[in-house]
Amino acid sequence: MLISSASQHLTVLRRAGLMVSRRKADVVFHAVTPLGTDLLRGRQPSPQQVCPDQQ
């Protein structure tokens, strides 16, 4: 996969709330969010994870 393609895929995942990224110097660390973990494990996410603005 090209770097530009990987970057585009990660952008989609971040916008969906499935991943977070942080930069430290020249390195970018990516991590799966709790919502992403639940979906990967086949669990039903909580309503707060899907719509955090609604209580």
Protein backbone atom coordinates (compact mmCIF):
# COMPACT_ATOMS: atom_id res chain seq x y z
CA MET A 1 0.00 0.00 0.00
CA LEU A 2 1.31 3.43 -0.87
CA ILE A 3 1.91 5.88 1.97
CA SER A 4 -0.67 8.28 0.52
CA SER A 5 -3.27 5.48 0.44
CA ALA A 6 -2.51 4.49 4.02
CA SER A 7 -2.80 8.12 5.10
CA GLN A 8 -6.19 8.44 3.40
CA HIS A 9 -7.42 5.25 5.08
CA LEU A 10 -6.25 6.45 8.49
CA THR A 11 -8.01 9.79 7.95
CA VAL A 12 -11.30 7.98 7.31
CA LEU A 13 -10.84 5.83 10.42
CA ARG A 14 -10.00 8.90 12.58
CA ARG A 15 -13.05 10.80 11.30
CA ALA A 16 -15.24 7.79 12.12
CA GLY A 17 -13.87 7.77 15.68
CA LEU A 18 -12.23 4.38 15.27
CA MET A 19 -8.60 5.53 15.61
CA VAL A 20 -6.61 8.33 17.18
CA SER A 21 -3.20 9.58 16.16
CA ARG A 22 -0.54 11.61 17.93
CA ARG A 23 2.79 12.91 16.72
CA LYS A 24 6.04 12.83 18.66
CA ALA A 25 8.86 14.46 16.71
CA ASP A 26 9.07 12.63 13.37
CA VAL A 27 6.97 9.64 14.47
CA VAL A 28 3.18 9.31 14.40
CA PHE A 29 1.55 6.86 16.82
CA HIS A 30 -1.84 5.38 15.90
CA ALA A 31 -4.17 3.61 18.32
CA VAL A 32 -7.59 2.03 18.11
CA THR A 33 -10.31 3.76 20.16
CA PRO A 34 -12.64 1.87 22.52
CA LEU A 35 -15.34 2.12 19.83
CA GLY A 36 -12.98 0.62 17.27
CA THR A 37 -12.01 -2.17 19.66
CA ASP A 38 -15.65 -3.05 20.34
CA LEU A 39 -16.43 -3.20 16.63
CA LEU A 40 -13.35 -5.33 15.91
CA ARG A 41 -14.37 -7.77 18.64
CA GLY A 42 -17.94 -7.94 17.36
CA ARG A 43 -19.43 -6.21 20.39
CA GLN A 44 -22.35 -3.82 20.31
CA PRO A 45 -20.95 -0.35 21.09
CA SER A 46 -22.68 1.69 23.76
CA PRO A 47 -24.83 4.65 22.64
CA GLN A 48 -22.33 7.03 24.31
CA GLN A 49 -19.55 5.67 22.07
CA VAL A 50 -21.59 6.04 18.89
CA CYS A 51 -23.11 9.47 19.68
CA PRO A 52 -21.04 11.05 22.48
CA ASP A 53 -22.88 14.40 22.21
CA GLN A 54 -26.22 12.85 23.11
CA GLN A 55 -26.95 11.90 26.69
